[in-house]
N, C-alpha and C. Protein backbone atom coordinates (compact mmCIF):
# COMPACT_ATOMS: atom_id res chain seq x y z
N MET A 1 19.82 -5.23 -11.89
CA MET A 1 18.38 -5.15 -11.69
C MET A 1 18.14 -4.37 -10.40
N ALA A 2 17.70 -3.14 -10.55
CA ALA A 2 17.49 -2.27 -9.41
C ALA A 2 16.06 -2.41 -8.88
N VAL A 3 15.96 -2.54 -7.58
CA VAL A 3 14.65 -2.59 -6.93
C VAL A 3 14.43 -1.25 -6.25
N VAL A 4 13.29 -0.63 -6.54
CA VAL A 4 12.96 0.67 -5.98
C VAL A 4 11.77 0.48 -5.06
N ARG A 5 11.88 1.03 -3.85
CA ARG A 5 10.85 0.82 -2.84
C ARG A 5 10.23 2.15 -2.41
N ALA A 6 9.00 2.03 -1.92
CA ALA A 6 8.33 3.17 -1.29
C ALA A 6 7.43 2.60 -0.21
N SER A 7 7.23 3.35 0.86
CA SER A 7 6.36 2.87 1.93
C SER A 7 5.63 4.02 2.58
N HIS A 8 4.51 3.69 3.16
CA HIS A 8 3.72 4.64 3.93
C HIS A 8 3.47 4.00 5.27
N LYS A 9 4.09 4.53 6.28
CA LYS A 9 3.96 3.95 7.61
C LYS A 9 2.90 4.69 8.40
N ASN A 10 2.25 3.96 9.27
CA ASN A 10 1.21 4.49 10.17
C ASN A 10 0.05 5.11 9.40
N ALA A 11 -0.35 4.49 8.30
CA ALA A 11 -1.52 4.96 7.56
C ALA A 11 -2.76 4.75 8.43
N LYS A 12 -3.61 5.73 8.53
CA LYS A 12 -4.77 5.67 9.42
C LYS A 12 -5.91 4.88 8.80
N ILE A 13 -5.63 3.62 8.47
CA ILE A 13 -6.64 2.73 7.91
C ILE A 13 -6.23 1.32 8.32
N SER A 14 -7.20 0.47 8.50
CA SER A 14 -6.93 -0.91 8.89
C SER A 14 -6.25 -1.66 7.75
N ALA A 15 -5.33 -2.54 8.10
CA ALA A 15 -4.60 -3.29 7.08
C ALA A 15 -5.53 -4.22 6.30
N THR A 16 -6.58 -4.71 6.93
CA THR A 16 -7.50 -5.62 6.23
C THR A 16 -8.29 -4.90 5.14
N LYS A 17 -8.40 -3.59 5.23
CA LYS A 17 -9.11 -2.83 4.21
C LYS A 17 -8.22 -2.53 3.00
N VAL A 18 -6.91 -2.63 3.18
CA VAL A 18 -5.98 -2.27 2.11
C VAL A 18 -5.43 -3.51 1.40
N ARG A 19 -5.33 -4.64 2.12
CA ARG A 19 -4.70 -5.85 1.57
C ARG A 19 -5.28 -6.33 0.25
N PRO A 20 -6.61 -6.33 0.04
CA PRO A 20 -7.11 -6.82 -1.25
C PRO A 20 -6.59 -6.03 -2.45
N PHE A 21 -6.31 -4.76 -2.28
CA PHE A 21 -5.81 -3.94 -3.38
C PHE A 21 -4.34 -4.20 -3.62
N ALA A 22 -3.59 -4.54 -2.57
CA ALA A 22 -2.20 -4.93 -2.74
C ALA A 22 -2.13 -6.25 -3.50
N ASP A 23 -3.03 -7.18 -3.19
CA ASP A 23 -3.08 -8.45 -3.91
C ASP A 23 -3.47 -8.24 -5.37
N LEU A 24 -4.30 -7.25 -5.62
CA LEU A 24 -4.77 -6.97 -6.97
C LEU A 24 -3.64 -6.53 -7.89
N ILE A 25 -2.75 -5.67 -7.41
CA ILE A 25 -1.75 -5.07 -8.29
C ILE A 25 -0.42 -5.82 -8.31
N ARG A 26 -0.22 -6.75 -7.39
CA ARG A 26 1.05 -7.47 -7.32
C ARG A 26 1.28 -8.23 -8.63
N GLY A 27 2.44 -8.02 -9.25
CA GLY A 27 2.78 -8.70 -10.50
C GLY A 27 2.46 -7.90 -11.75
N MET A 28 1.69 -6.83 -11.63
CA MET A 28 1.35 -5.99 -12.78
C MET A 28 2.49 -5.02 -13.07
N SER A 29 2.43 -4.38 -14.23
CA SER A 29 3.34 -3.28 -14.50
C SER A 29 2.81 -2.05 -13.76
N VAL A 30 3.63 -1.02 -13.65
CA VAL A 30 3.24 0.17 -12.90
C VAL A 30 2.04 0.85 -13.55
N SER A 31 2.05 0.96 -14.88
CA SER A 31 0.93 1.62 -15.55
C SER A 31 -0.36 0.81 -15.41
N GLN A 32 -0.28 -0.52 -15.50
CA GLN A 32 -1.47 -1.36 -15.31
C GLN A 32 -2.00 -1.24 -13.89
N GLY A 33 -1.10 -1.20 -12.91
CA GLY A 33 -1.51 -1.09 -11.53
C GLY A 33 -2.21 0.23 -11.24
N LEU A 34 -1.66 1.31 -11.79
CA LEU A 34 -2.30 2.62 -11.58
C LEU A 34 -3.66 2.68 -12.26
N ASP A 35 -3.77 2.08 -13.45
CA ASP A 35 -5.07 2.05 -14.14
C ASP A 35 -6.08 1.21 -13.38
N ALA A 36 -5.63 0.10 -12.79
CA ALA A 36 -6.54 -0.76 -12.04
C ALA A 36 -7.05 -0.06 -10.78
N LEU A 37 -6.21 0.74 -10.15
CA LEU A 37 -6.59 1.39 -8.90
C LEU A 37 -7.36 2.69 -9.12
N LYS A 38 -7.21 3.28 -10.30
CA LYS A 38 -7.77 4.61 -10.55
C LYS A 38 -9.29 4.65 -10.41
N TYR A 39 -9.96 3.61 -10.87
CA TYR A 39 -11.41 3.64 -10.93
C TYR A 39 -12.09 2.92 -9.77
N LEU A 40 -11.32 2.48 -8.79
CA LEU A 40 -11.92 1.84 -7.62
C LEU A 40 -12.33 2.91 -6.62
N PRO A 41 -13.53 2.82 -6.06
CA PRO A 41 -14.03 3.89 -5.19
C PRO A 41 -13.58 3.79 -3.74
N ASN A 42 -12.72 2.83 -3.40
CA ASN A 42 -12.38 2.58 -2.00
C ASN A 42 -11.23 3.45 -1.53
N ARG A 43 -11.23 3.76 -0.24
CA ARG A 43 -10.16 4.56 0.35
C ARG A 43 -8.85 3.78 0.39
N GLY A 44 -8.94 2.48 0.55
CA GLY A 44 -7.74 1.64 0.54
C GLY A 44 -7.02 1.69 -0.79
N ALA A 45 -7.78 1.81 -1.87
CA ALA A 45 -7.17 1.92 -3.19
C ALA A 45 -6.40 3.23 -3.32
N ARG A 46 -6.89 4.30 -2.70
CA ARG A 46 -6.18 5.58 -2.75
C ARG A 46 -4.84 5.49 -2.01
N VAL A 47 -4.81 4.76 -0.91
CA VAL A 47 -3.57 4.64 -0.13
C VAL A 47 -2.52 3.90 -0.95
N ILE A 48 -2.90 2.77 -1.55
CA ILE A 48 -1.97 2.00 -2.38
C ILE A 48 -1.54 2.82 -3.59
N GLU A 49 -2.47 3.57 -4.17
CA GLU A 49 -2.16 4.38 -5.35
C GLU A 49 -1.11 5.45 -5.02
N GLN A 50 -1.23 6.07 -3.86
CA GLN A 50 -0.26 7.08 -3.46
C GLN A 50 1.13 6.48 -3.28
N VAL A 51 1.20 5.31 -2.67
CA VAL A 51 2.49 4.67 -2.46
C VAL A 51 3.09 4.22 -3.79
N LEU A 52 2.25 3.75 -4.71
CA LEU A 52 2.73 3.35 -6.03
C LEU A 52 3.26 4.55 -6.82
N HIS A 53 2.57 5.70 -6.72
CA HIS A 53 3.07 6.94 -7.34
C HIS A 53 4.43 7.32 -6.75
N SER A 54 4.58 7.15 -5.44
CA SER A 54 5.84 7.47 -4.79
C SER A 54 6.97 6.56 -5.26
N ALA A 55 6.68 5.26 -5.40
CA ALA A 55 7.70 4.33 -5.88
C ALA A 55 8.09 4.66 -7.32
N ARG A 56 7.11 5.04 -8.12
CA ARG A 56 7.37 5.43 -9.51
C ARG A 56 8.25 6.68 -9.56
N ALA A 57 7.97 7.66 -8.71
CA ALA A 57 8.78 8.87 -8.66
C ALA A 57 10.19 8.57 -8.16
N ASN A 58 10.32 7.63 -7.22
CA ASN A 58 11.65 7.24 -6.74
C ASN A 58 12.46 6.60 -7.87
N ALA A 59 11.79 5.81 -8.71
CA ALA A 59 12.48 5.17 -9.85
C ALA A 59 12.93 6.23 -10.86
N GLU A 60 12.08 7.21 -11.11
CA GLU A 60 12.47 8.29 -12.03
C GLU A 60 13.63 9.07 -11.46
N ASP A 61 13.63 9.29 -10.17
CA ASP A 61 14.70 10.04 -9.52
C ASP A 61 16.03 9.31 -9.60
N ARG A 62 15.98 7.99 -9.58
CA ARG A 62 17.21 7.20 -9.70
C ARG A 62 17.68 7.04 -11.13
N GLY A 63 16.90 7.56 -12.09
CA GLY A 63 17.32 7.56 -13.48
C GLY A 63 16.94 6.31 -14.26
N LEU A 64 15.99 5.54 -13.77
CA LEU A 64 15.54 4.36 -14.52
C LEU A 64 14.69 4.80 -15.70
N ARG A 65 14.81 4.07 -16.80
CA ARG A 65 14.05 4.41 -18.00
C ARG A 65 12.79 3.57 -18.08
N ASN A 66 11.82 4.06 -18.83
CA ASN A 66 10.55 3.36 -19.04
C ASN A 66 9.93 2.94 -17.70
N VAL A 67 9.69 3.92 -16.87
CA VAL A 67 9.23 3.66 -15.51
C VAL A 67 7.87 2.96 -15.50
N ASP A 68 7.01 3.26 -16.47
CA ASP A 68 5.69 2.65 -16.50
C ASP A 68 5.74 1.16 -16.84
N ARG A 69 6.84 0.71 -17.43
CA ARG A 69 6.97 -0.72 -17.77
C ARG A 69 7.53 -1.55 -16.62
N LEU A 70 8.03 -0.90 -15.58
CA LEU A 70 8.58 -1.65 -14.45
C LEU A 70 7.48 -2.47 -13.80
N GLN A 71 7.87 -3.59 -13.23
CA GLN A 71 6.90 -4.53 -12.67
C GLN A 71 6.83 -4.36 -11.15
N ILE A 72 5.61 -4.48 -10.61
CA ILE A 72 5.40 -4.40 -9.16
C ILE A 72 5.76 -5.75 -8.58
N SER A 73 6.93 -5.83 -7.94
CA SER A 73 7.41 -7.10 -7.43
C SER A 73 6.91 -7.38 -6.02
N GLU A 74 6.66 -6.33 -5.27
CA GLU A 74 6.21 -6.51 -3.89
C GLU A 74 5.15 -5.47 -3.57
N ALA A 75 4.02 -5.92 -3.08
CA ALA A 75 2.97 -5.04 -2.58
C ALA A 75 2.48 -5.69 -1.30
N ARG A 76 2.84 -5.09 -0.18
CA ARG A 76 2.63 -5.74 1.11
C ARG A 76 2.02 -4.74 2.08
N VAL A 77 1.09 -5.22 2.88
CA VAL A 77 0.44 -4.37 3.89
C VAL A 77 0.56 -5.07 5.23
N ASP A 78 1.22 -4.42 6.17
CA ASP A 78 1.39 -4.96 7.51
C ASP A 78 0.59 -4.13 8.50
N GLY A 79 0.23 -4.72 9.59
CA GLY A 79 -0.46 -3.99 10.64
C GLY A 79 0.49 -3.05 11.36
N GLY A 80 0.00 -1.88 11.67
CA GLY A 80 0.80 -0.90 12.39
C GLY A 80 0.39 -0.84 13.85
N PRO A 81 0.82 0.19 14.55
CA PRO A 81 0.45 0.31 15.95
C PRO A 81 -1.03 0.62 16.13
N MET A 82 -1.56 0.19 17.25
CA MET A 82 -2.98 0.41 17.54
C MET A 82 -3.12 1.44 18.66
N LEU A 83 -4.03 2.36 18.48
CA LEU A 83 -4.43 3.24 19.57
C LEU A 83 -5.58 2.57 20.29
N LYS A 84 -5.44 2.39 21.57
CA LYS A 84 -6.48 1.68 22.32
C LYS A 84 -7.27 2.68 23.16
N ARG A 85 -8.57 2.61 23.03
CA ARG A 85 -9.47 3.49 23.76
C ARG A 85 -10.48 2.63 24.52
N ILE A 86 -11.03 3.16 25.57
CA ILE A 86 -12.01 2.46 26.39
C ILE A 86 -13.37 3.11 26.18
N GLN A 87 -14.38 2.27 25.90
CA GLN A 87 -15.74 2.76 25.78
C GLN A 87 -16.57 2.16 26.91
N PRO A 88 -17.18 2.99 27.74
CA PRO A 88 -18.00 2.45 28.82
C PRO A 88 -19.25 1.77 28.28
N ARG A 89 -19.61 0.64 28.90
CA ARG A 89 -20.77 -0.12 28.49
C ARG A 89 -21.68 -0.34 29.69
N ALA A 90 -22.74 -1.07 29.47
CA ALA A 90 -23.73 -1.29 30.51
C ALA A 90 -23.16 -2.11 31.67
N ARG A 91 -23.72 -1.92 32.86
CA ARG A 91 -23.39 -2.65 34.07
C ARG A 91 -21.92 -2.54 34.45
N GLY A 92 -21.33 -1.38 34.18
CA GLY A 92 -19.96 -1.12 34.62
C GLY A 92 -18.87 -1.78 33.80
N MET A 93 -19.24 -2.37 32.69
CA MET A 93 -18.21 -3.01 31.85
C MET A 93 -17.56 -1.96 30.95
N ALA A 94 -16.46 -2.36 30.35
CA ALA A 94 -15.76 -1.48 29.41
C ALA A 94 -15.32 -2.30 28.21
N PHE A 95 -15.50 -1.74 27.00
CA PHE A 95 -15.05 -2.36 25.78
C PHE A 95 -13.84 -1.61 25.27
N VAL A 96 -12.90 -2.34 24.70
CA VAL A 96 -11.71 -1.72 24.13
C VAL A 96 -11.97 -1.42 22.66
N ILE A 97 -11.76 -0.17 22.28
CA ILE A 97 -11.84 0.23 20.88
C ILE A 97 -10.42 0.29 20.35
N ARG A 98 -10.14 -0.48 19.32
CA ARG A 98 -8.80 -0.51 18.73
C ARG A 98 -8.81 0.29 17.43
N ARG A 99 -8.11 1.41 17.43
CA ARG A 99 -7.99 2.21 16.21
C ARG A 99 -6.73 1.74 15.50
N ARG A 100 -6.94 0.99 14.43
CA ARG A 100 -5.84 0.32 13.78
C ARG A 100 -5.17 1.21 12.73
N SER A 101 -3.91 0.92 12.48
CA SER A 101 -3.18 1.60 11.42
C SER A 101 -2.41 0.55 10.62
N ALA A 102 -1.82 0.95 9.52
CA ALA A 102 -1.17 0.01 8.62
C ALA A 102 0.14 0.58 8.09
N HIS A 103 1.04 -0.33 7.75
CA HIS A 103 2.27 0.01 7.04
C HIS A 103 2.14 -0.57 5.64
N VAL A 104 2.23 0.29 4.62
CA VAL A 104 2.05 -0.14 3.23
C VAL A 104 3.42 -0.06 2.54
N HIS A 105 3.84 -1.18 1.92
CA HIS A 105 5.13 -1.24 1.23
C HIS A 105 4.91 -1.67 -0.22
N VAL A 106 5.56 -0.95 -1.15
CA VAL A 106 5.50 -1.30 -2.57
C VAL A 106 6.92 -1.26 -3.10
N ALA A 107 7.28 -2.30 -3.88
CA ALA A 107 8.60 -2.35 -4.52
C ALA A 107 8.38 -2.64 -6.00
N ILE A 108 9.13 -1.92 -6.84
CA ILE A 108 9.05 -2.14 -8.29
C ILE A 108 10.45 -2.44 -8.79
N GLU A 109 10.50 -3.27 -9.86
CA GLU A 109 11.80 -3.63 -10.44
C GLU A 109 11.64 -3.90 -11.91
N ALA A 110 12.76 -3.89 -12.61
CA ALA A 110 12.75 -4.17 -14.04
C ALA A 110 12.57 -5.66 -14.24
N PRO A 111 11.69 -6.06 -15.16
CA PRO A 111 11.53 -7.50 -15.42
C PRO A 111 12.81 -8.08 -16.03
N GLU A 112 13.08 -9.33 -15.67
CA GLU A 112 14.30 -9.97 -16.17
C GLU A 112 14.14 -10.33 -17.64
N LEU A 113 15.16 -10.01 -18.41
CA LEU A 113 15.16 -10.34 -19.84
C LEU A 113 15.83 -11.68 -20.04
N GLN A 114 15.25 -12.53 -20.89
CA GLN A 114 15.84 -13.85 -21.12
C GLN A 114 16.19 -14.02 -22.55
């Protein structure tokens, strides 16, 4: 049972914006996951979709058959590094602007036959 992984590190989007789409596709087949993400208008869905396409291409490259039937075993979004900026505010104060990034990981594998 081969597990094929793909990841996108330092994606310029907050992890909280991408996590709901990772939860949506976890456990689906690759074709179902791509169909579910295709019609969503969110930018987070595009990020997950790109990583899922990459994992599918990695599986094809390794010679796995019926790539669209493989199951999404892991869809995980972790927080990445933050760029911190200072914004001046009233009365000499300063607010920290955190430009967040995310690490997106997707793993697909063949379902176990019983």
